[in-house]
Amino acid sequence: MDSLHDIEVLIESGQGLIVLETEQEARFIEGFRRIATRSSRAYFQWTVTQGLERLSEGYSALPLLKDMNQLFGQILSTQHKGVYILTDFHHYLEDPTVIRHLKDIGIKAPHQALILLSRKISLPEDLKSRGTRFSMPLPAADELRRMVNGYYR
């Protein structure tokens, strides 16, 4: 999946805030699970219902980290490079505290990468210059074929 490679390049180049609009959340998360197995970075997914979950085998979600302040505190305090996929995060982008937290992570923890994942995301003015938009294309014909063949096995 070339688009995942492109996102990896963005992350490794130091892009701290990536905005990914897609209706294929499951496809994206599965791709990042595969990347997490070979990366030196820790990959996480956050949802309001599950909290923070590491995208590697053998880890469970941290439900205490459903709270925004705890989530951002955890990200800021983590020294190891990480990628945090914040799912359906567009709901929180009107909150000035959340905007400040996102800016603080970019300033104080530039080794962390945040990916805002949702069907549609409108960044507030304060974040537009800090974020990079990425569009994930539909699967290519050969990938669709593999998906269909895998489904019917």
Protein backbone atom coordinates (compact mmCIF):
# COMPACT_ATOMS: atom_id res chain seq x y z
CA MET A 1 0.00 0.00 0.00
CA ASP A 2 2.03 2.96 -1.29
CA SER A 3 -0.08 5.52 0.55
CA LEU A 4 0.97 4.05 3.91
CA HIS A 5 4.59 4.32 2.83
CA ASP A 6 3.95 7.98 1.99
CA ILE A 7 2.55 8.57 5.48
CA GLU A 8 5.57 6.82 6.99
CA VAL A 9 7.81 9.22 5.07
CA LEU A 10 5.82 12.19 6.41
CA ILE A 11 6.19 10.89 9.96
CA GLU A 12 9.91 10.18 9.64
CA SER A 13 10.48 13.63 8.12
CA GLY A 14 9.21 15.18 11.35
CA GLN A 15 5.66 16.08 10.35
CA GLY A 16 4.04 16.32 13.77
CA LEU A 17 0.39 16.76 12.80
CA ILE A 18 -1.11 14.81 9.92
CA VAL A 19 -4.76 15.12 8.95
CA LEU A 20 -6.16 12.02 7.27
CA GLU A 21 -9.66 12.13 5.88
CA THR A 22 -10.97 8.71 4.93
CA GLU A 23 -14.08 6.60 5.15
CA GLN A 24 -11.88 3.51 5.32
CA GLU A 25 -10.84 3.67 8.95
CA ALA A 26 -10.42 -0.10 9.32
CA ARG A 27 -8.15 -0.32 6.27
CA PHE A 28 -5.98 2.49 7.57
CA ILE A 29 -5.68 1.04 11.09
CA GLU A 30 -4.85 -2.42 9.72
CA GLY A 31 -2.08 -0.90 7.59
CA PHE A 32 -0.63 0.82 10.62
CA ARG A 33 -0.76 -2.40 12.62
CA ARG A 34 1.53 -3.90 9.96
CA ILE A 35 3.85 -0.89 10.05
CA ALA A 36 4.00 -1.04 13.86
CA THR A 37 5.52 -4.55 13.72
CA ARG A 38 8.60 -3.29 11.90
CA SER A 39 8.95 0.27 13.21
CA SER A 40 11.14 1.57 16.01
CA ARG A 41 8.26 3.92 16.89
CA ALA A 42 5.34 2.86 19.05
CA TYR A 43 2.00 3.18 17.23
CA PHE A 44 -1.20 3.91 19.15
CA GLN A 45 -4.86 4.41 18.32
CA TRP A 46 -7.13 6.52 20.52
CA THR A 47 -10.92 6.38 20.49
CA VAL A 48 -13.30 7.96 22.96
CA THR A 49 -14.83 4.56 23.70
CA GLN A 50 -11.62 2.50 24.13
CA GLY A 51 -9.03 5.00 25.24
CA LEU A 52 -5.43 4.58 24.09
CA GLU A 53 -4.44 1.25 22.55
CA ARG A 54 -1.03 0.21 21.29
CA LEU A 55 -1.20 -1.21 17.76
CA SER A 56 1.04 -4.18 18.50
CA GLU A 57 0.33 -7.72 19.64
CA GLY A 58 0.01 -8.26 23.36
CA TYR A 59 -1.13 -4.79 24.43
CA SER A 60 -4.54 -3.78 25.67
CA ALA A 61 -6.28 -0.42 25.71
CA LEU A 62 -5.75 2.02 28.57
CA PRO A 63 -9.33 3.06 29.31
CA LEU A 64 -8.22 5.71 31.81
CA LEU A 65 -6.82 7.64 28.88
CA LYS A 66 -10.26 8.44 27.47
CA ASP A 67 -9.97 11.82 29.18
CA MET A 68 -8.31 14.44 26.94
CA ASN A 69 -6.07 15.95 29.63
CA GLN A 70 -4.77 12.51 30.62
CA LEU A 71 -4.25 11.54 26.99
CA PHE A 72 -2.23 14.65 26.18
CA GLY A 73 -0.32 14.39 29.47
CA GLN A 74 0.69 10.84 28.51
CA ILE A 75 1.82 11.89 25.04
CA LEU A 76 3.83 14.83 26.41
CA SER A 77 5.52 12.75 29.10
CA THR A 78 6.53 9.86 26.80
CA GLN A 79 10.17 10.08 25.76
CA HIS A 80 10.03 7.25 23.20
CA LYS A 81 9.03 8.27 19.66
CA GLY A 82 5.39 7.52 19.02
CA VAL A 83 2.61 7.84 16.47
CA TYR A 84 -0.81 8.59 17.92
CA ILE A 85 -3.82 8.05 15.68
CA LEU A 86 -6.66 10.08 17.16
CA THR A 87 -9.85 8.64 15.68
CA ASP A 88 -12.95 10.80 15.12
CA PHE A 89 -11.07 13.69 16.67
CA HIS A 90 -12.87 16.34 14.63
CA HIS A 91 -15.45 16.50 17.43
CA TYR A 92 -12.86 18.06 19.76
CA LEU A 93 -11.27 20.64 17.48
CA GLU A 94 -13.46 23.50 18.67
CA ASP A 95 -12.23 23.19 22.25
CA PRO A 96 -9.50 25.80 23.00
CA THR A 97 -7.88 23.45 25.54
CA VAL A 98 -7.52 20.71 22.92
CA ILE A 99 -6.07 23.18 20.41
CA ARG A 100 -3.52 24.31 23.02
CA HIS A 101 -2.61 20.70 23.82
CA LEU A 102 -2.01 19.97 20.12
CA LYS A 103 0.22 23.04 19.84
CA ASP A 104 2.10 22.10 23.03
CA ILE A 105 2.86 18.64 21.69
CA GLY A 106 4.23 20.17 18.48
CA ILE A 107 6.46 22.51 20.50
CA LYS A 108 7.45 20.42 23.53
CA ALA A 109 7.36 16.92 22.05
CA PRO A 110 8.35 17.19 18.38
CA HIS A 111 9.40 13.51 18.45
CA GLN A 112 5.71 12.56 18.65
CA ALA A 113 3.47 12.40 15.57
CA LEU A 114 -0.26 12.90 15.76
CA ILE A 115 -2.62 11.68 13.05
CA LEU A 116 -6.15 13.04 13.14
CA LEU A 117 -8.31 10.39 11.47
CA SER A 118 -11.89 11.02 10.48
CA ARG A 119 -14.24 11.09 7.53
CA LYS A 120 -14.10 14.91 7.42
CA ILE A 121 -11.81 17.24 9.39
CA SER A 122 -11.75 21.00 9.40
CA LEU A 123 -8.71 22.33 11.24
CA PRO A 124 -9.11 25.54 13.22
CA GLU A 125 -7.07 28.53 12.01
CA ASP A 126 -4.59 28.11 14.87
CA LEU A 127 -3.62 24.64 13.58
CA LYS A 128 -3.80 25.01 9.80
CA SER A 129 -0.15 25.98 9.41
CA ARG A 130 0.95 23.09 11.65
CA GLY A 131 -0.99 20.31 9.93
CA THR A 132 -0.33 18.37 6.75
CA ARG A 133 -3.33 16.94 4.92
CA PHE A 134 -3.11 13.47 3.46
CA SER A 135 -5.71 11.77 1.30
CA MET A 136 -5.73 8.02 1.19
CA PRO A 137 -6.71 6.76 -2.26
CA LEU A 138 -9.02 3.84 -2.88
CA PRO A 139 -7.31 0.44 -3.17
CA ALA A 140 -5.74 -0.43 -6.52
CA ALA A 141 -7.23 -3.28 -8.60
CA ASP A 142 -4.66 -5.86 -7.44
CA GLU A 143 -5.22 -4.92 -3.80
CA LEU A 144 -8.98 -5.21 -4.25
CA ARG A 145 -8.47 -8.64 -5.78
CA ARG A 146 -6.36 -9.74 -2.78
CA MET A 147 -8.98 -8.40 -0.39
CA VAL A 148 -11.81 -10.22 -2.15
CA ASN A 149 -9.83 -13.46 -2.46
CA GLY A 150 -8.91 -13.28 1.22
CA TYR A 151 -12.53 -12.72 2.18
CA TYR A 152 -13.77 -15.82 0.36
CA ARG A 153 -11.09 -18.20 1.64
